[in-house]
Amino acid sequence: MQGPLRRVCRTRPCRREGVSDDVAEIGAELITAGAAEGILRMVVGAVVRVVRGVVRVVFDS
C-alpha cells in the first residue's frame, strides 16, 4: 500500500495478530479517520482496537 495508509502505519505502531500488512494499515487508517470499529468488522470480519496508542487488528474466531 502507498500514500496515506503507508504513512499512518509508519508513524503509529501497528501490532498485527495474524493479519496481512494491508489489513493492519487499513485498520490504522480507519482509527485515525475516527471511523467506528464496526466498519472493519463488517468489511473483513476483523476487530480494530486501540490500546495505549497501539493499533491492534484481530480476526474474529
PDB file of N, CA and C in Angstrom:
ATOM      1  N   MET A   1       0.837  -1.190   0.000  1.00  0.00           N
ATOM      2  CA  MET A   1       0.000   0.000   0.000  1.00  0.00           C
ATOM      3  C   MET A   1       0.870   1.236   0.000  1.00  0.00           C
ATOM      4  N   GLN A   2       0.347   2.277  -0.602  1.00  0.00           N
ATOM      5  CA  GLN A   2       1.119   3.506  -0.687  1.00  0.00           C
ATOM      6  C   GLN A   2       0.290   4.661  -0.169  1.00  0.00           C
ATOM      7  N   GLY A   3       0.902   5.843  -0.167  1.00  0.00           N
ATOM      8  CA  GLY A   3       0.183   7.057   0.205  1.00  0.00           C
ATOM      9  C   GLY A   3      -0.110   7.140   1.683  1.00  0.00           C
ATOM     10  N   PRO A   4      -1.264   7.707   2.034  1.00  0.00           N
ATOM     11  CA  PRO A   4      -1.577   7.983   3.436  1.00  0.00           C
ATOM     12  C   PRO A   4      -1.616   6.732   4.307  1.00  0.00           C
ATOM     13  N   LEU A   5      -2.040   5.594   3.756  1.00  0.00           N
ATOM     14  CA  LEU A   5      -2.102   4.382   4.570  1.00  0.00           C
ATOM     15  C   LEU A   5      -0.712   3.968   5.029  1.00  0.00           C
ATOM     16  N   ARG A   6       0.257   4.054   4.118  1.00  0.00           N
ATOM     17  CA  ARG A   6       1.630   3.690   4.477  1.00  0.00           C
ATOM     18  C   ARG A   6       2.171   4.655   5.522  1.00  0.00           C
ATOM     19  N   ARG A   7       1.883   5.953   5.366  1.00  0.00           N
ATOM     20  CA  ARG A   7       2.367   6.955   6.323  1.00  0.00           C
ATOM     21  C   ARG A   7       1.773   6.716   7.707  1.00  0.00           C
ATOM     22  N   VAL A   8       0.501   6.364   7.765  1.00  0.00           N
ATOM     23  CA  VAL A   8      -0.147   6.114   9.054  1.00  0.00           C
ATOM     24  C   VAL A   8       0.560   4.981   9.782  1.00  0.00           C
ATOM     25  N   CYS A   9       0.862   3.896   9.053  1.00  0.00           N
ATOM     26  CA  CYS A   9       1.477   2.741   9.705  1.00  0.00           C
ATOM     27  C   CYS A   9       2.915   3.041  10.119  1.00  0.00           C
ATOM     28  N   ARG A  10       3.575   3.927   9.410  1.00  0.00           N
ATOM     29  CA  ARG A  10       4.938   4.281   9.784  1.00  0.00           C
ATOM     30  C   ARG A  10       4.968   5.112  11.052  1.00  0.00           C
ATOM     31  N   THR A  11       4.005   6.004  11.201  1.00  0.00           N
ATOM     32  CA  THR A  11       4.035   6.931  12.328  1.00  0.00           C
ATOM     33  C   THR A  11       3.350   6.366  13.565  1.00  0.00           C
ATOM     34  N   ARG A  12       2.571   5.337  13.418  1.00  0.00           N
ATOM     35  CA  ARG A  12       1.822   4.770  14.544  1.00  0.00           C
ATOM     36  C   ARG A  12       2.144   3.282  14.654  1.00  0.00           C
ATOM     37  N   PRO A  13       2.522   2.811  15.833  1.00  0.00           N
ATOM     38  CA  PRO A  13       2.862   1.386  15.948  1.00  0.00           C
ATOM     39  C   PRO A  13       1.663   0.496  15.632  1.00  0.00           C
ATOM     40  N   CYS A  14       1.857  -0.478  14.761  1.00  0.00           N
ATOM     41  CA  CYS A  14       0.774  -1.391  14.388  1.00  0.00           C
ATOM     42  C   CYS A  14       1.120  -2.780  14.904  1.00  0.00           C
ATOM     43  N   ARG A  15       0.316  -3.294  15.788  1.00  0.00           N
ATOM     44  CA  ARG A  15       0.538  -4.655  16.287  1.00  0.00           C
ATOM     45  C   ARG A  15      -0.401  -5.571  15.528  1.00  0.00           C
ATOM     46  N   ARG A  16       0.160  -6.472  14.761  1.00  0.00           N
ATOM     47  CA  ARG A  16      -0.653  -7.329  13.902  1.00  0.00           C
ATOM     48  C   ARG A  16      -0.774  -8.714  14.530  1.00  0.00           C
ATOM     49  N   GLU A  17      -1.963  -9.245  14.530  1.00  0.00           N
ATOM     50  CA  GLU A  17      -2.186 -10.589  15.069  1.00  0.00           C
ATOM     51  C   GLU A  17      -2.811 -11.450  13.985  1.00  0.00           C
ATOM     52  N   GLY A  18      -1.972 -12.089  13.194  1.00  0.00           N
ATOM     53  CA  GLY A  18      -2.448 -12.995  12.156  1.00  0.00           C
ATOM     54  C   GLY A  18      -3.172 -12.303  11.020  1.00  0.00           C
ATOM     55  N   VAL A  19      -2.804 -11.046  10.736  1.00  0.00           N
ATOM     56  CA  VAL A  19      -3.432 -10.344   9.624  1.00  0.00           C
ATOM     57  C   VAL A  19      -2.348  -9.816   8.703  1.00  0.00           C
ATOM     58  N   SER A  20      -2.722  -9.560   7.454  1.00  0.00           N
ATOM     59  CA  SER A  20      -1.757  -9.040   6.492  1.00  0.00           C
ATOM     60  C   SER A  20      -1.445  -7.579   6.795  1.00  0.00           C
ATOM     61  N   ASP A  21      -0.342  -7.092   6.234  1.00  0.00           N
ATOM     62  CA  ASP A  21       0.033  -5.689   6.409  1.00  0.00           C
ATOM     63  C   ASP A  21      -1.070  -4.767   5.898  1.00  0.00           C
ATOM     64  N   ASP A  22      -1.688  -5.140   4.775  1.00  0.00           N
ATOM     65  CA  ASP A  22      -2.728  -4.284   4.198  1.00  0.00           C
ATOM     66  C   ASP A  22      -3.892  -4.099   5.165  1.00  0.00           C
ATOM     67  N   VAL A  23      -4.322  -5.186   5.813  1.00  0.00           N
ATOM     68  CA  VAL A  23      -5.452  -5.083   6.743  1.00  0.00           C
ATOM     69  C   VAL A  23      -5.071  -4.228   7.939  1.00  0.00           C
ATOM     70  N   ALA A  24      -3.857  -4.396   8.450  1.00  0.00           N
ATOM     71  CA  ALA A  24      -3.417  -3.591   9.587  1.00  0.00           C
ATOM     72  C   ALA A  24      -3.351  -2.115   9.207  1.00  0.00           C
ATOM     73  N   GLU A  25      -2.888  -1.830   7.978  1.00  0.00           N
ATOM     74  CA  GLU A  25      -2.797  -0.441   7.532  1.00  0.00           C
ATOM     75  C   GLU A  25      -4.185   0.162   7.356  1.00  0.00           C
ATOM     76  N   ILE A  26      -5.113  -0.621   6.813  1.00  0.00           N
ATOM     77  CA  ILE A  26      -6.489  -0.131   6.668  1.00  0.00           C
ATOM     78  C   ILE A  26      -7.079   0.151   8.048  1.00  0.00           C
ATOM     79  N   GLY A  27      -6.814  -0.741   9.008  1.00  0.00           N
ATOM     80  CA  GLY A  27      -7.297  -0.528  10.369  1.00  0.00           C
ATOM     81  C   GLY A  27      -6.745   0.748  10.965  1.00  0.00           C
ATOM     82  N   ALA A  28      -5.460   1.000  10.757  1.00  0.00           N
ATOM     83  CA  ALA A  28      -4.841   2.223  11.273  1.00  0.00           C
ATOM     84  C   ALA A  28      -5.477   3.447  10.631  1.00  0.00           C
ATOM     85  N   GLU A  29      -5.754   3.372   9.346  1.00  0.00           N
ATOM     86  CA  GLU A  29      -6.374   4.497   8.646  1.00  0.00           C
ATOM     87  C   GLU A  29      -7.782   4.755   9.181  1.00  0.00           C
ATOM     88  N   LEU A  30      -8.564   3.694   9.417  1.00  0.00           N
ATOM     89  CA  LEU A  30      -9.921   3.870   9.937  1.00  0.00           C
ATOM     90  C   LEU A  30      -9.903   4.522  11.315  1.00  0.00           C
ATOM     91  N   ILE A  31      -8.964   4.100  12.169  1.00  0.00           N
ATOM     92  CA  ILE A  31      -8.884   4.674  13.509  1.00  0.00           C
ATOM     93  C   ILE A  31      -8.528   6.152  13.424  1.00  0.00           C
ATOM     94  N   THR A  32      -7.548   6.499  12.582  1.00  0.00           N
ATOM     95  CA  THR A  32      -7.144   7.901  12.500  1.00  0.00           C
ATOM     96  C   THR A  32      -8.245   8.741  11.862  1.00  0.00           C
ATOM     97  N   ALA A  33      -9.065   8.124  11.028  1.00  0.00           N
ATOM     98  CA  ALA A  33     -10.171   8.857  10.412  1.00  0.00           C
ATOM     99  C   ALA A  33     -11.348   8.985  11.375  1.00  0.00           C
ATOM    100  N   GLY A  34     -11.263   8.328  12.525  1.00  0.00           N
ATOM    101  CA  GLY A  34     -12.332   8.411  13.516  1.00  0.00           C
ATOM    102  C   GLY A  34     -13.530   7.534  13.193  1.00  0.00           C
ATOM    103  N   ALA A  35     -13.342   6.541  12.310  1.00  0.00           N
ATOM    104  CA  ALA A  35     -14.458   5.670  11.933  1.00  0.00           C
ATOM    105  C   ALA A  35     -14.725   4.653  13.043  1.00  0.00           C
ATOM    106  N   ALA A  36     -15.934   4.148  13.094  1.00  0.00           N
ATOM    107  CA  ALA A  36     -16.295   3.154  14.115  1.00  0.00           C
ATOM    108  C   ALA A  36     -15.592   1.835  13.828  1.00  0.00           C
ATOM    109  N   GLU A  37     -15.219   1.109  14.881  1.00  0.00           N
ATOM    110  CA  GLU A  37     -14.519  -0.160  14.681  1.00  0.00           C
ATOM    111  C   GLU A  37     -15.410  -1.191  14.004  1.00  0.00           C
ATOM    112  N   GLY A  38     -16.711  -1.011  14.060  1.00  0.00           N
ATOM    113  CA  GLY A  38     -17.626  -1.948  13.413  1.00  0.00           C
ATOM    114  C   GLY A  38     -17.493  -1.986  11.907  1.00  0.00           C
ATOM    115  N   ILE A  39     -16.965  -0.913  11.304  1.00  0.00           N
ATOM    116  CA  ILE A  39     -16.832  -0.870   9.845  1.00  0.00           C
ATOM    117  C   ILE A  39     -15.896  -1.977   9.376  1.00  0.00           C
ATOM    118  N   LEU A  40     -14.730  -2.084  10.017  1.00  0.00           N
ATOM    119  CA  LEU A  40     -13.780  -3.105   9.584  1.00  0.00           C
ATOM    120  C   LEU A  40     -14.324  -4.499   9.872  1.00  0.00           C
ATOM    121  N   ARG A  41     -15.067  -4.646  10.961  1.00  0.00           N
ATOM    122  CA  ARG A  41     -15.669  -5.949  11.275  1.00  0.00           C
ATOM    123  C   ARG A  41     -16.614  -6.364  10.149  1.00  0.00           C
ATOM    124  N   MET A  42     -17.416  -5.427   9.640  1.00  0.00           N
ATOM    125  CA  MET A  42     -18.358  -5.749   8.575  1.00  0.00           C
ATOM    126  C   MET A  42     -17.630  -6.059   7.275  1.00  0.00           C
ATOM    127  N   VAL A  43     -16.534  -5.350   7.001  1.00  0.00           N
ATOM    128  CA  VAL A  43     -15.858  -5.484   5.710  1.00  0.00           C
ATOM    129  C   VAL A  43     -15.023  -6.760   5.637  1.00  0.00           C
ATOM    130  N   VAL A  44     -14.178  -7.012   6.634  1.00  0.00           N
ATOM    131  CA  VAL A  44     -13.274  -8.160   6.545  1.00  0.00           C
ATOM    132  C   VAL A  44     -13.371  -9.101   7.743  1.00  0.00           C
ATOM    133  N   GLY A  45     -14.365  -8.921   8.594  1.00  0.00           N
ATOM    134  CA  GLY A  45     -14.509  -9.801   9.746  1.00  0.00           C
ATOM    135  C   GLY A  45     -13.414  -9.626  10.775  1.00  0.00           C
ATOM    136  N   ALA A  46     -12.935  -8.405  10.921  1.00  0.00           N
ATOM    137  CA  ALA A  46     -11.864  -8.146  11.881  1.00  0.00           C
ATOM    138  C   ALA A  46     -12.306  -7.081  12.870  1.00  0.00           C
ATOM    139  N   VAL A  47     -11.626  -7.030  14.003  1.00  0.00           N
ATOM    140  CA  VAL A  47     -11.916  -6.034  15.023  1.00  0.00           C
ATOM    141  C   VAL A  47     -10.687  -5.152  15.184  1.00  0.00           C
ATOM    142  N   VAL A  48     -10.918  -3.844  15.262  1.00  0.00           N
ATOM    143  CA  VAL A  48      -9.815  -2.903  15.472  1.00  0.00           C
ATOM    144  C   VAL A  48      -9.920  -2.368  16.887  1.00  0.00           C
ATOM    145  N   ARG A  49      -8.831  -2.398  17.604  1.00  0.00           N
ATOM    146  CA  ARG A  49      -8.796  -1.842  18.956  1.00  0.00           C
ATOM    147  C   ARG A  49      -7.574  -0.949  19.076  1.00  0.00           C
ATOM    148  N   VAL A  50      -7.689   0.112  19.865  1.00  0.00           N
ATOM    149  CA  VAL A  50      -6.530   0.950  20.159  1.00  0.00           C
ATOM    150  C   VAL A  50      -6.277   0.866  21.658  1.00  0.00           C
ATOM    151  N   VAL A  51      -5.125   0.357  22.030  1.00  0.00           N
ATOM    152  CA  VAL A  51      -4.754   0.219  23.438  1.00  0.00           C
ATOM    153  C   VAL A  51      -3.461   0.990  23.654  1.00  0.00           C
ATOM    154  N   ARG A  52      -3.520   2.040  24.443  1.00  0.00           N
ATOM    155  CA  ARG A  52      -2.355   2.884  24.719  1.00  0.00           C
ATOM    156  C   ARG A  52      -1.670   3.338  23.438  1.00  0.00           C
ATOM    157  N   GLY A  53      -2.467   3.745  22.457  1.00  0.00           N
ATOM    158  CA  GLY A  53      -1.914   4.260  21.210  1.00  0.00           C
ATOM    159  C   GLY A  53      -1.441   3.212  20.226  1.00  0.00           C
ATOM    160  N   VAL A  54      -1.621   1.929  20.555  1.00  0.00           N
ATOM    161  CA  VAL A  54      -1.201   0.859  19.649  1.00  0.00           C
ATOM    162  C   VAL A  54      -2.429   0.311  18.939  1.00  0.00           C
ATOM    163  N   VAL A  55      -2.379   0.292  17.602  1.00  0.00           N
ATOM    164  CA  VAL A  55      -3.499  -0.215  16.812  1.00  0.00           C
ATOM    165  C   VAL A  55      -3.390  -1.731  16.731  1.00  0.00           C
ATOM    166  N   ARG A  56      -4.455  -2.422  17.102  1.00  0.00           N
ATOM    167  CA  ARG A  56      -4.497  -3.884  17.009  1.00  0.00           C
ATOM    168  C   ARG A  56      -5.645  -4.286  16.094  1.00  0.00           C
ATOM    169  N   VAL A  57      -5.374  -5.154  15.127  1.00  0.00           N
ATOM    170  CA  VAL A  57      -6.405  -5.683  14.237  1.00  0.00           C
ATOM    171  C   VAL A  57      -6.467  -7.186  14.474  1.00  0.00           C
ATOM    172  N   VAL A  58      -7.620  -7.683  14.914  1.00  0.00           N
ATOM    173  CA  VAL A  58      -7.746  -9.093  15.285  1.00  0.00           C
ATOM    174  C   VAL A  58      -8.946  -9.695  14.564  1.00  0.00           C
ATOM    175  N   PHE A  59      -8.745 -10.826  13.892  1.00  0.00           N
ATOM    176  CA  PHE A  59      -9.858 -11.518  13.251  1.00  0.00           C
ATOM    177  C   PHE A  59     -10.697 -12.237  14.288  1.00  0.00           C
ATOM    178  N   ASP A  60     -12.018 -12.206  14.090  1.00  0.00           N
ATOM    179  CA  ASP A  60     -12.913 -12.974  14.957  1.00  0.00           C
ATOM    180  C   ASP A  60     -12.692 -14.460  14.713  1.00  0.00           C
ATOM    181  N   SER A  61     -12.826 -15.243  15.751  1.00  0.00           N
ATOM    182  CA  SER A  61     -12.652 -16.700  15.610  1.00  0.00           C
ATOM    183  C   SER A  61     -13.908 -17.321  15.040  1.00  0.00           C
TER     184      SER A  61
END
